[in-house]
Amino acid sequence: AFSSSPQSTPQHVVSTRPSSTTPSSSALHLSNDDEVQKLLAKAKQLREEAALMSGKTVEQMEAEVAREKESARERAAVVEKARREREDKNNATARRSGAQILPVPDD
C-alpha cells in the first residue's frame, strides 16, 4: 500500500499499456493475443453464419472442408509421383543417350 510518509520506499508501477516511444514486449504480446482472440472469434462467427446460410451445421461444414483438403492432398501426391516418374524416365533416357559407342578392333 502507499504511504504518505516521506520515509516510505518508492513504489514501482508496471503498466500494461505501451508507451508512445518504446512499447514494452509484454504489452505487445498482450495486444497480439487480444488481436488473435478477436480474429478467432470473428472466424467462428463467420463459420456459423456460413453454416446457417447453407443449411448445414458447423460440424458438417468442417467435415466437408476436411474431406476437400484430404482430396487435394491426394491429388497433389499423385501429381508429385507422376512428376518423379517422368524425371526418372528422362534421367534414364539421358544416361543412355550420353553413352559412347566405342569401336572394337578387328583381330
PDB file of N, CA and C in Angstrom:
ATOM      1  N   ALA A   1       0.851  -1.178   0.000  1.00  0.00           N
ATOM      2  CA  ALA A   1       0.000   0.000   0.000  1.00  0.00           C
ATOM      3  C   ALA A   1       0.884   1.223   0.000  1.00  0.00           C
ATOM      4  N   PHE A   2       0.319   2.331  -0.417  1.00  0.00           N
ATOM      5  CA  PHE A   2       1.062   3.577  -0.494  1.00  0.00           C
ATOM      6  C   PHE A   2       0.948   4.319   0.828  1.00  0.00           C
ATOM      7  N   SER A   3       2.018   4.925   1.220  1.00  0.00           N
ATOM      8  CA  SER A   3       2.038   5.686   2.466  1.00  0.00           C
ATOM      9  C   SER A   3       2.351   7.129   2.134  1.00  0.00           C
ATOM     10  N   SER A   4       1.771   8.054   2.860  1.00  0.00           N
ATOM     11  CA  SER A   4       2.041   9.466   2.613  1.00  0.00           C
ATOM     12  C   SER A   4       3.274   9.932   3.360  1.00  0.00           C
ATOM     13  N   SER A   5       3.912   9.051   4.104  1.00  0.00           N
ATOM     14  CA  SER A   5       5.095   9.383   4.875  1.00  0.00           C
ATOM     15  C   SER A   5       6.281   9.621   3.954  1.00  0.00           C
ATOM     16  N   PRO A   6       7.091  10.625   4.208  1.00  0.00           N
ATOM     17  CA  PRO A   6       8.255  10.901   3.349  1.00  0.00           C
ATOM     18  C   PRO A   6       9.327   9.832   3.465  1.00  0.00           C
ATOM     19  N   GLN A   7       9.291   8.982   4.501  1.00  0.00           N
ATOM     20  CA  GLN A   7      10.302   7.957   4.658  1.00  0.00           C
ATOM     21  C   GLN A   7       9.934   6.662   3.951  1.00  0.00           C
ATOM     22  N   SER A   8       8.797   6.600   3.277  1.00  0.00           N
ATOM     23  CA  SER A   8       8.403   5.363   2.606  1.00  0.00           C
ATOM     24  C   SER A   8       9.295   5.097   1.410  1.00  0.00           C
ATOM     25  N   THR A   9       9.458   3.831   1.081  1.00  0.00           N
ATOM     26  CA  THR A   9      10.287   3.451  -0.062  1.00  0.00           C
ATOM     27  C   THR A   9       9.503   3.687  -1.340  1.00  0.00           C
ATOM     28  N   PRO A  10      10.207   4.014  -2.427  1.00  0.00           N
ATOM     29  CA  PRO A  10       9.484   4.268  -3.690  1.00  0.00           C
ATOM     30  C   PRO A  10       8.808   2.996  -4.200  1.00  0.00           C
ATOM     31  N   GLN A  11       7.643   3.161  -4.759  1.00  0.00           N
ATOM     32  CA  GLN A  11       6.893   2.048  -5.318  1.00  0.00           C
ATOM     33  C   GLN A  11       7.027   2.081  -6.837  1.00  0.00           C
ATOM     34  N   HIS A  12       7.210   0.910  -7.457  1.00  0.00           N
ATOM     35  CA  HIS A  12       7.302   0.822  -8.906  1.00  0.00           C
ATOM     36  C   HIS A  12       5.968   0.367  -9.459  1.00  0.00           C
ATOM     37  N   VAL A  13       5.495   1.065 -10.465  1.00  0.00           N
ATOM     38  CA  VAL A  13       4.225   0.727 -11.086  1.00  0.00           C
ATOM     39  C   VAL A  13       4.527   0.197 -12.477  1.00  0.00           C
ATOM     40  N   VAL A  14       3.992  -0.975 -12.806  1.00  0.00           N
ATOM     41  CA  VAL A  14       4.175  -1.569 -14.129  1.00  0.00           C
ATOM     42  C   VAL A  14       2.882  -1.391 -14.903  1.00  0.00           C
ATOM     43  N   SER A  15       3.002  -0.772 -16.046  1.00  0.00           N
ATOM     44  CA  SER A  15       1.826  -0.531 -16.880  1.00  0.00           C
ATOM     45  C   SER A  15       1.757  -1.583 -17.969  1.00  0.00           C
ATOM     46  N   THR A  16       0.538  -2.016 -18.308  1.00  0.00           N
ATOM     47  CA  THR A  16       0.382  -2.967 -19.406  1.00  0.00           C
ATOM     48  C   THR A  16       0.096  -2.251 -20.712  1.00  0.00           C
ATOM     49  N   ARG A  17       0.008  -0.927 -20.649  1.00  0.00           N
ATOM     50  CA  ARG A  17      -0.219  -0.158 -21.869  1.00  0.00           C
ATOM     51  C   ARG A  17       1.122   0.285 -22.428  1.00  0.00           C
ATOM     52  N   PRO A  18       1.320   0.176 -23.743  1.00  0.00           N
ATOM     53  CA  PRO A  18       2.605   0.579 -24.324  1.00  0.00           C
ATOM     54  C   PRO A  18       2.763   2.093 -24.280  1.00  0.00           C
ATOM     55  N   SER A  19       3.989   2.545 -24.050  1.00  0.00           N
ATOM     56  CA  SER A  19       4.251   3.977 -24.077  1.00  0.00           C
ATOM     57  C   SER A  19       4.331   4.429 -25.528  1.00  0.00           C
ATOM     58  N   SER A  20       4.280   5.727 -25.730  1.00  0.00           N
ATOM     59  CA  SER A  20       4.262   6.249 -27.102  1.00  0.00           C
ATOM     60  C   SER A  20       5.613   6.135 -27.774  1.00  0.00           C
ATOM     61  N   THR A  21       6.707   6.025 -27.000  1.00  0.00           N
ATOM     62  CA  THR A  21       8.021   5.972 -27.629  1.00  0.00           C
ATOM     63  C   THR A  21       8.610   4.578 -27.660  1.00  0.00           C
ATOM     64  N   THR A  22       8.533   3.828 -26.568  1.00  0.00           N
ATOM     65  CA  THR A  22       9.114   2.491 -26.537  1.00  0.00           C
ATOM     66  C   THR A  22       8.119   1.506 -25.951  1.00  0.00           C
ATOM     67  N   PRO A  23       7.351   0.837 -26.801  1.00  0.00           N
ATOM     68  CA  PRO A  23       6.384  -0.144 -26.268  1.00  0.00           C
ATOM     69  C   PRO A  23       7.127  -1.322 -25.663  1.00  0.00           C
ATOM     70  N   SER A  24       6.598  -1.818 -24.556  1.00  0.00           N
ATOM     71  CA  SER A  24       7.232  -2.972 -23.912  1.00  0.00           C
ATOM     72  C   SER A  24       6.829  -4.245 -24.642  1.00  0.00           C
ATOM     73  N   SER A  25       7.674  -5.254 -24.565  1.00  0.00           N
ATOM     74  CA  SER A  25       7.376  -6.500 -25.266  1.00  0.00           C
ATOM     75  C   SER A  25       6.161  -7.187 -24.670  1.00  0.00           C
ATOM     76  N   SER A  26       5.956  -7.079 -23.345  1.00  0.00           N
ATOM     77  CA  SER A  26       4.783  -7.717 -22.742  1.00  0.00           C
ATOM     78  C   SER A  26       3.502  -7.034 -23.203  1.00  0.00           C
ATOM     79  N   ALA A  27       3.541  -5.722 -23.373  1.00  0.00           N
ATOM     80  CA  ALA A  27       2.360  -5.015 -23.862  1.00  0.00           C
ATOM     81  C   ALA A  27       2.056  -5.418 -25.292  1.00  0.00           C
ATOM     82  N   LEU A  28       3.086  -5.579 -26.094  1.00  0.00           N
ATOM     83  CA  LEU A  28       2.869  -6.021 -27.472  1.00  0.00           C
ATOM     84  C   LEU A  28       2.321  -7.431 -27.484  1.00  0.00           C
ATOM     85  N   HIS A  29       2.827  -8.278 -26.601  1.00  0.00           N
ATOM     86  CA  HIS A  29       2.363  -9.659 -26.527  1.00  0.00           C
ATOM     87  C   HIS A  29       0.885  -9.696 -26.164  1.00  0.00           C
ATOM     88  N   LEU A  30       0.487  -8.900 -25.189  1.00  0.00           N
ATOM     89  CA  LEU A  30      -0.925  -8.852 -24.807  1.00  0.00           C
ATOM     90  C   LEU A  30      -1.769  -8.330 -25.951  1.00  0.00           C
ATOM     91  N   SER A  31      -1.272  -7.316 -26.620  1.00  0.00           N
ATOM     92  CA  SER A  31      -2.005  -6.738 -27.731  1.00  0.00           C
ATOM     93  C   SER A  31      -2.174  -7.758 -28.856  1.00  0.00           C
ATOM     94  N   ASN A  32      -1.108  -8.509 -29.161  1.00  0.00           N
ATOM     95  CA  ASN A  32      -1.182  -9.528 -30.204  1.00  0.00           C
ATOM     96  C   ASN A  32      -2.150 -10.633 -29.811  1.00  0.00           C
ATOM     97  N   ASP A  33      -2.111 -11.046 -28.544  1.00  0.00           N
ATOM     98  CA  ASP A  33      -3.035 -12.075 -28.074  1.00  0.00           C
ATOM     99  C   ASP A  33      -4.477 -11.598 -28.184  1.00  0.00           C
ATOM    100  N   ASP A  34      -4.714 -10.345 -27.818  1.00  0.00           N
ATOM    101  CA  ASP A  34      -6.061  -9.788 -27.931  1.00  0.00           C
ATOM    102  C   ASP A  34      -6.520  -9.799 -29.387  1.00  0.00           C
ATOM    103  N   GLU A  35      -5.619  -9.414 -30.272  1.00  0.00           N
ATOM    104  CA  GLU A  35      -5.951  -9.380 -31.702  1.00  0.00           C
ATOM    105  C   GLU A  35      -6.241 -10.784 -32.220  1.00  0.00           C
ATOM    106  N   VAL A  36      -5.442 -11.747 -31.803  1.00  0.00           N
ATOM    107  CA  VAL A  36      -5.650 -13.141 -32.215  1.00  0.00           C
ATOM    108  C   VAL A  36      -7.008 -13.624 -31.734  1.00  0.00           C
ATOM    109  N   GLN A  37      -7.329 -13.330 -30.471  1.00  0.00           N
ATOM    110  CA  GLN A  37      -8.617 -13.773 -29.924  1.00  0.00           C
ATOM    111  C   GLN A  37      -9.785 -13.136 -30.680  1.00  0.00           C
ATOM    112  N   LYS A  38      -9.654 -11.862 -31.024  1.00  0.00           N
ATOM    113  CA  LYS A  38     -10.715 -11.190 -31.793  1.00  0.00           C
ATOM    114  C   LYS A  38     -10.883 -11.841 -33.166  1.00  0.00           C
ATOM    115  N   LEU A  39      -9.753 -12.148 -33.810  1.00  0.00           N
ATOM    116  CA  LEU A  39      -9.819 -12.763 -35.132  1.00  0.00           C
ATOM    117  C   LEU A  39     -10.400 -14.170 -35.072  1.00  0.00           C
ATOM    118  N   LEU A  40     -10.040 -14.927 -34.036  1.00  0.00           N
ATOM    119  CA  LEU A  40     -10.603 -16.274 -33.878  1.00  0.00           C
ATOM    120  C   LEU A  40     -12.109 -16.212 -33.638  1.00  0.00           C
ATOM    121  N   ALA A  41     -12.544 -15.249 -32.840  1.00  0.00           N
ATOM    122  CA  ALA A  41     -13.976 -15.089 -32.588  1.00  0.00           C
ATOM    123  C   ALA A  41     -14.701 -14.697 -33.866  1.00  0.00           C
ATOM    124  N   LYS A  42     -14.107 -13.831 -34.658  1.00  0.00           N
ATOM    125  CA  LYS A  42     -14.707 -13.410 -35.932  1.00  0.00           C
ATOM    126  C   LYS A  42     -14.787 -14.596 -36.894  1.00  0.00           C
ATOM    127  N   ALA A  43     -13.740 -15.414 -36.946  1.00  0.00           N
ATOM    128  CA  ALA A  43     -13.736 -16.590 -37.823  1.00  0.00           C
ATOM    129  C   ALA A  43     -14.836 -17.558 -37.401  1.00  0.00           C
ATOM    130  N   LYS A  44     -14.995 -17.756 -36.097  1.00  0.00           N
ATOM    131  CA  LYS A  44     -16.045 -18.647 -35.600  1.00  0.00           C
ATOM    132  C   LYS A  44     -17.420 -18.116 -35.991  1.00  0.00           C
ATOM    133  N   GLN A  45     -17.614 -16.812 -35.844  1.00  0.00           N
ATOM    134  CA  GLN A  45     -18.889 -16.200 -36.209  1.00  0.00           C
ATOM    135  C   GLN A  45     -19.170 -16.377 -37.701  1.00  0.00           C
ATOM    136  N   LEU A  46     -18.151 -16.185 -38.529  1.00  0.00           N
ATOM    137  CA  LEU A  46     -18.330 -16.336 -39.975  1.00  0.00           C
ATOM    138  C   LEU A  46     -18.646 -17.786 -40.347  1.00  0.00           C
ATOM    139  N   ARG A  47     -17.989 -18.743 -39.679  1.00  0.00           N
ATOM    140  CA  ARG A  47     -18.297 -20.151 -39.936  1.00  0.00           C
ATOM    141  C   ARG A  47     -19.746 -20.463 -39.567  1.00  0.00           C
ATOM    142  N   GLU A  48     -20.195 -19.929 -38.437  1.00  0.00           N
ATOM    143  CA  GLU A  48     -21.574 -20.155 -38.013  1.00  0.00           C
ATOM    144  C   GLU A  48     -22.563 -19.553 -39.001  1.00  0.00           C
ATOM    145  N   GLU A  49     -22.267 -18.341 -39.491  1.00  0.00           N
ATOM    146  CA  GLU A  49     -23.147 -17.693 -40.464  1.00  0.00           C
ATOM    147  C   GLU A  49     -23.181 -18.475 -41.774  1.00  0.00           C
ATOM    148  N   ALA A  50     -22.022 -18.945 -42.215  1.00  0.00           N
ATOM    149  CA  ALA A  50     -21.964 -19.714 -43.461  1.00  0.00           C
ATOM    150  C   ALA A  50     -22.751 -21.015 -43.320  1.00  0.00           C
ATOM    151  N   ALA A  51     -22.627 -21.663 -42.175  1.00  0.00           N
ATOM    152  CA  ALA A  51     -23.367 -22.906 -41.944  1.00  0.00           C
ATOM    153  C   ALA A  51     -24.862 -22.636 -41.950  1.00  0.00           C
ATOM    154  N   LEU A  52     -25.272 -21.561 -41.319  1.00  0.00           N
ATOM    155  CA  LEU A  52     -26.688 -21.208 -41.269  1.00  0.00           C
ATOM    156  C   LEU A  52     -27.228 -20.964 -42.677  1.00  0.00           C
ATOM    157  N   MET A  53     -26.468 -20.236 -43.490  1.00  0.00           N
ATOM    158  CA  MET A  53     -26.912 -19.925 -44.857  1.00  0.00           C
ATOM    159  C   MET A  53     -26.946 -21.166 -45.739  1.00  0.00           C
ATOM    160  N   SER A  54     -26.074 -22.133 -45.465  1.00  0.00           N
ATOM    161  CA  SER A  54     -26.038 -23.336 -46.300  1.00  0.00           C
ATOM    162  C   SER A  54     -26.996 -24.416 -45.802  1.00  0.00           C
ATOM    163  N   GLY A  55     -27.575 -24.202 -44.639  1.00  0.00           N
ATOM    164  CA  GLY A  55     -28.499 -25.195 -44.099  1.00  0.00           C
ATOM    165  C   GLY A  55     -27.807 -26.391 -43.485  1.00  0.00           C
ATOM    166  N   LYS A  56     -26.541 -26.234 -43.132  1.00  0.00           N
ATOM    167  CA  LYS A  56     -25.762 -27.311 -42.528  1.00  0.00           C
ATOM    168  C   LYS A  56     -25.316 -26.877 -41.142  1.00  0.00           C
ATOM    169  N   THR A  57     -24.839 -27.844 -40.379  1.00  0.00           N
ATOM    170  CA  THR A  57     -24.240 -27.499 -39.090  1.00  0.00           C
ATOM    171  C   THR A  57     -22.779 -27.134 -39.317  1.00  0.00           C
ATOM    172  N   VAL A  58     -22.200 -26.458 -38.337  1.00  0.00           N
ATOM    173  CA  VAL A  58     -20.777 -26.107 -38.423  1.00  0.00           C
ATOM    174  C   VAL A  58     -19.942 -27.380 -38.536  1.00  0.00           C
ATOM    175  N   GLU A  59     -20.337 -28.425 -37.800  1.00  0.00           N
ATOM    176  CA  GLU A  59     -19.585 -29.686 -37.836  1.00  0.00           C
ATOM    177  C   GLU A  59     -19.633 -30.312 -39.227  1.00  0.00           C
ATOM    178  N   GLN A  60     -20.814 -30.253 -39.871  1.00  0.00           N
ATOM    179  CA  GLN A  60     -20.928 -30.800 -41.230  1.00  0.00           C
ATOM    180  C   GLN A  60     -20.030 -30.037 -42.191  1.00  0.00           C
ATOM    181  N   MET A  61     -20.025 -28.714 -42.052  1.00  0.00           N
ATOM    182  CA  MET A  61     -19.183 -27.907 -42.941  1.00  0.00           C
ATOM    183  C   MET A  61     -17.704 -28.181 -42.689  1.00  0.00           C
ATOM    184  N   GLU A  62     -17.307 -28.314 -41.429  1.00  0.00           N
ATOM    185  CA  GLU A  62     -15.902 -28.596 -41.120  1.00  0.00           C
ATOM    186  C   GLU A  62     -15.489 -29.968 -41.639  1.00  0.00           C
ATOM    187  N   ALA A  63     -16.404 -30.945 -41.569  1.00  0.00           N
ATOM    188  CA  ALA A  63     -16.113 -32.278 -42.100  1.00  0.00           C
ATOM    189  C   ALA A  63     -15.947 -32.212 -43.618  1.00  0.00           C
ATOM    190  N   GLU A  64     -16.787 -31.418 -44.270  1.00  0.00           N
ATOM    191  CA  GLU A  64     -16.694 -31.260 -45.723  1.00  0.00           C
ATOM    192  C   GLU A  64     -15.367 -30.617 -46.106  1.00  0.00           C
ATOM    193  N   VAL A  65     -14.959 -29.604 -45.365  1.00  0.00           N
ATOM    194  CA  VAL A  65     -13.675 -28.942 -45.635  1.00  0.00           C
ATOM    195  C   VAL A  65     -12.529 -29.926 -45.434  1.00  0.00           C
ATOM    196  N   ALA A  66     -12.607 -30.734 -44.381  1.00  0.00           N
ATOM    197  CA  ALA A  66     -11.552 -31.718 -44.130  1.00  0.00           C
ATOM    198  C   ALA A  66     -11.461 -32.720 -45.279  1.00  0.00           C
ATOM    199  N   ARG A  67     -12.630 -33.168 -45.783  1.00  0.00           N
ATOM    200  CA  ARG A  67     -12.626 -34.103 -46.928  1.00  0.00           C
ATOM    201  C   ARG A  67     -12.006 -33.438 -48.159  1.00  0.00           C
ATOM    202  N   GLU A  68     -12.352 -32.181 -48.403  1.00  0.00           N
ATOM    203  CA  GLU A  68     -11.789 -31.473 -49.559  1.00  0.00           C
ATOM    204  C   GLU A  68     -10.278 -31.308 -49.432  1.00  0.00           C
ATOM    205  N   LYS A  69      -9.798 -31.004 -48.222  1.00  0.00           N
ATOM    206  CA  LYS A  69      -8.349 -30.874 -48.017  1.00  0.00           C
ATOM    207  C   LYS A  69      -7.649 -32.207 -48.254  1.00  0.00           C
ATOM    208  N   GLU A  70      -8.252 -33.291 -47.777  1.00  0.00           N
ATOM    209  CA  GLU A  70      -7.661 -34.620 -47.973  1.00  0.00           C
ATOM    210  C   GLU A  70      -7.616 -34.968 -49.458  1.00  0.00           C
ATOM    211  N   SER A  71      -8.690 -34.657 -50.179  1.00  0.00           N
ATOM    212  CA  SER A  71      -8.713 -34.904 -51.629  1.00  0.00           C
ATOM    213  C   SER A  71      -7.625 -34.103 -52.329  1.00  0.00           C
ATOM    214  N   ALA A  72      -7.442 -32.852 -51.912  1.00  0.00           N
ATOM    215  CA  ALA A  72      -6.405 -32.014 -52.514  1.00  0.00           C
ATOM    216  C   ALA A  72      -5.019 -32.590 -52.229  1.00  0.00           C
ATOM    217  N   ARG A  73      -4.800 -33.100 -51.007  1.00  0.00           N
ATOM    218  CA  ARG A  73      -3.512 -33.719 -50.676  1.00  0.00           C
ATOM    219  C   ARG A  73      -3.265 -34.956 -51.527  1.00  0.00           C
ATOM    220  N   GLU A  74      -4.326 -35.765 -51.710  1.00  0.00           N
ATOM    221  CA  GLU A  74      -4.176 -36.971 -52.523  1.00  0.00           C
ATOM    222  C   GLU A  74      -3.860 -36.614 -53.967  1.00  0.00           C
ATOM    223  N   ARG A  75      -4.550 -35.613 -54.509  1.00  0.00           N
ATOM    224  CA  ARG A  75      -4.268 -35.180 -55.892  1.00  0.00           C
ATOM    225  C   ARG A  75      -2.832 -34.678 -56.018  1.00  0.00           C
ATOM    226  N   ALA A  76      -2.374 -33.905 -55.043  1.00  0.00           N
ATOM    227  CA  ALA A  76      -1.006 -33.384 -55.071  1.00  0.00           C
ATOM    228  C   ALA A  76       0.002 -34.529 -55.005  1.00  0.00           C
ATOM    229  N   ALA A  77      -0.297 -35.554 -54.219  1.00  0.00           N
ATOM    230  CA  ALA A  77       0.609 -36.710 -54.123  1.00  0.00           C
ATOM    231  C   ALA A  77       0.679 -37.448 -55.454  1.00  0.00           C
ATOM    232  N   VAL A  78      -0.459 -37.605 -56.140  1.00  0.00           N
ATOM    233  CA  VAL A  78      -0.477 -38.274 -57.445  1.00  0.00           C
ATOM    234  C   VAL A  78       0.331 -37.471 -58.463  1.00  0.00           C
ATOM    235  N   VAL A  79       0.145 -36.160 -58.462  1.00  0.00           N
ATOM    236  CA  VAL A  79       0.886 -35.299 -59.394  1.00  0.00           C
ATOM    237  C   VAL A  79       2.379 -35.384 -59.105  1.00  0.00           C
ATOM    238  N   GLU A  80       2.753 -35.351 -57.830  1.00  0.00           N
ATOM    239  CA  GLU A  80       4.172 -35.431 -57.461  1.00  0.00           C
ATOM    240  C   GLU A  80       4.773 -36.773 -57.869  1.00  0.00           C
ATOM    241  N   LYS A  81       4.027 -37.853 -57.677  1.00  0.00           N
ATOM    242  CA  LYS A  81       4.517 -39.174 -58.068  1.00  0.00           C
ATOM    243  C   LYS A  81       4.728 -39.237 -59.583  1.00  0.00           C
ATOM    244  N   ALA A  82       3.786 -38.701 -60.351  1.00  0.00           N
ATOM    245  CA  ALA A  82       3.911 -38.691 -61.815  1.00  0.00           C
ATOM    246  C   ALA A  82       5.114 -37.857 -62.239  1.00  0.00           C
ATOM    247  N   ARG A  83       5.339 -36.730 -61.562  1.00  0.00           N
ATOM    248  CA  ARG A  83       6.477 -35.872 -61.891  1.00  0.00           C
ATOM    249  C   ARG A  83       7.786 -36.610 -61.625  1.00  0.00           C
ATOM    250  N   ARG A  84       7.877 -37.302 -60.478  1.00  0.00           N
ATOM    251  CA  ARG A  84       9.095 -38.060 -60.164  1.00  0.00           C
ATOM    252  C   ARG A  84       9.331 -39.166 -61.181  1.00  0.00           C
ATOM    253  N   GLU A  85       8.262 -39.890 -61.539  1.00  0.00           N
ATOM    254  CA  GLU A  85       8.406 -40.961 -62.535  1.00  0.00           C
ATOM    255  C   GLU A  85       8.871 -40.404 -63.870  1.00  0.00           C
ATOM    256  N   ARG A  86       8.321 -39.251 -64.252  1.00  0.00           N
ATOM    257  CA  ARG A  86       8.716 -38.626 -65.514  1.00  0.00           C
ATOM    258  C   ARG A  86      10.188 -38.211 -65.457  1.00  0.00           C
ATOM    259  N   GLU A  87      10.608 -37.633 -64.327  1.00  0.00           N
ATOM    260  CA  GLU A  87      12.012 -37.244 -64.175  1.00  0.00           C
ATOM    261  C   GLU A  87      12.923 -38.468 -64.213  1.00  0.00           C
ATOM    262  N   ASP A  88      12.522 -39.537 -63.531  1.00  0.00           N
ATOM    263  CA  ASP A  88      13.333 -40.760 -63.532  1.00  0.00           C
ATOM    264  C   ASP A  88      13.471 -41.306 -64.946  1.00  0.00           C
ATOM    265  N   LYS A  89      12.383 -41.306 -65.691  1.00  0.00           N
ATOM    266  CA  LYS A  89      12.415 -41.798 -67.077  1.00  0.00           C
ATOM    267  C   LYS A  89      13.319 -40.921 -67.928  1.00  0.00           C
ATOM    268  N   ASN A  90      13.198 -39.596 -67.765  1.00  0.00           N
ATOM    269  CA  ASN A  90      14.042 -38.675 -68.534  1.00  0.00           C
ATOM    270  C   ASN A  90      15.513 -38.833 -68.169  1.00  0.00           C
ATOM    271  N   ASN A  91      15.797 -39.053 -66.885  1.00  0.00           N
ATOM    272  CA  ASN A  91      17.187 -39.255 -66.460  1.00  0.00           C
ATOM    273  C   ASN A  91      17.745 -40.545 -67.031  1.00  0.00           C
ATOM    274  N   ALA A  92      16.953 -41.612 -67.072  1.00  0.00           N
ATOM    275  CA  ALA A  92      17.410 -42.882 -67.632  1.00  0.00           C
ATOM    276  C   ALA A  92      17.680 -42.731 -69.126  1.00  0.00           C
ATOM    277  N   THR A  93      16.799 -42.015 -69.824  1.00  0.00           N
ATOM    278  CA  THR A  93      16.984 -41.788 -71.257  1.00  0.00           C
ATOM    279  C   THR A  93      18.233 -40.945 -71.497  1.00  0.00           C
ATOM    280  N   ALA A  94      18.469 -39.956 -70.679  1.00  0.00           N
ATOM    281  CA  ALA A  94      19.643 -39.094 -70.830  1.00  0.00           C
ATOM    282  C   ALA A  94      20.922 -39.887 -70.602  1.00  0.00           C
ATOM    283  N   ARG A  95      20.905 -40.816 -69.638  1.00  0.00           N
ATOM    284  CA  ARG A  95      22.099 -41.641 -69.400  1.00  0.00           C
ATOM    285  C   ARG A  95      22.395 -42.532 -70.603  1.00  0.00           C
ATOM    286  N   ARG A  96      21.344 -43.103 -71.193  1.00  0.00           N
ATOM    287  CA  ARG A  96      21.557 -43.970 -72.360  1.00  0.00           C
ATOM    288  C   ARG A  96      22.031 -43.164 -73.553  1.00  0.00           C
ATOM    289  N   SER A  97      21.472 -42.003 -73.779  1.00  0.00           N
ATOM    290  CA  SER A  97      21.855 -41.214 -74.957  1.00  0.00           C
ATOM    291  C   SER A  97      23.240 -40.613 -74.791  1.00  0.00           C
ATOM    292  N   GLY A  98      23.726 -40.488 -73.548  1.00  0.00           N
ATOM    293  CA  GLY A  98      25.052 -39.946 -73.320  1.00  0.00           C
ATOM    294  C   GLY A  98      26.145 -40.994 -73.422  1.00  0.00           C
ATOM    295  N   ALA A  99      25.768 -42.242 -73.585  1.00  0.00           N
ATOM    296  CA  ALA A  99      26.764 -43.310 -73.666  1.00  0.00           C
ATOM    297  C   ALA A  99      27.462 -43.251 -75.026  1.00  0.00           C
ATOM    298  N   GLN A 100      28.748 -43.538 -75.007  1.00  0.00           N
ATOM    299  CA  GLN A 100      29.511 -43.521 -76.252  1.00  0.00           C
ATOM    300  C   GLN A 100      29.595 -44.928 -76.830  1.00  0.00           C
ATOM    301  N   ILE A 101      29.611 -44.961 -78.137  1.00  0.00           N
ATOM    302  CA  ILE A 101      29.816 -46.233 -78.821  1.00  0.00           C
ATOM    303  C   ILE A 101      31.288 -46.267 -79.199  1.00  0.00           C
ATOM    304  N   LEU A 102      31.982 -47.236 -78.674  1.00  0.00           N
ATOM    305  CA  LEU A 102      33.403 -47.360 -78.940  1.00  0.00           C
ATOM    306  C   LEU A 102      33.631 -48.433 -79.993  1.00  0.00           C
ATOM    307  N   PRO A 103      34.497 -48.134 -80.925  1.00  0.00           N
ATOM    308  CA  PRO A 103      34.797 -49.158 -81.929  1.00  0.00           C
ATOM    309  C   PRO A 103      35.590 -50.303 -81.311  1.00  0.00           C
ATOM    310  N   VAL A 104      35.297 -51.490 -81.779  1.00  0.00           N
ATOM    311  CA  VAL A 104      36.015 -52.680 -81.317  1.00  0.00           C
ATOM    312  C   VAL A 104      36.973 -53.068 -82.450  1.00  0.00           C
ATOM    313  N   PRO A 105      38.224 -53.181 -82.130  1.00  0.00           N
ATOM    314  CA  PRO A 105      39.180 -53.509 -83.219  1.00  0.00           C
ATOM    315  C   PRO A 105      38.982 -54.945 -83.691  1.00  0.00           C
ATOM    316  N   ASP A 106      39.214 -55.135 -85.007  1.00  0.00           N
ATOM    317  CA  ASP A 106      39.130 -56.478 -85.597  1.00  0.00           C
ATOM    318  C   ASP A 106      40.448 -57.212 -85.297  1.00  0.00           C
ATOM    319  N   ASP A 107      40.376 -58.467 -85.057  1.00  0.00           N
ATOM    320  CA  ASP A 107      41.574 -59.259 -84.807  1.00  0.00           C
ATOM    321  C   ASP A 107      42.145 -59.781 -86.090  1.00  0.00           C
TER     322      ASP A 107
END
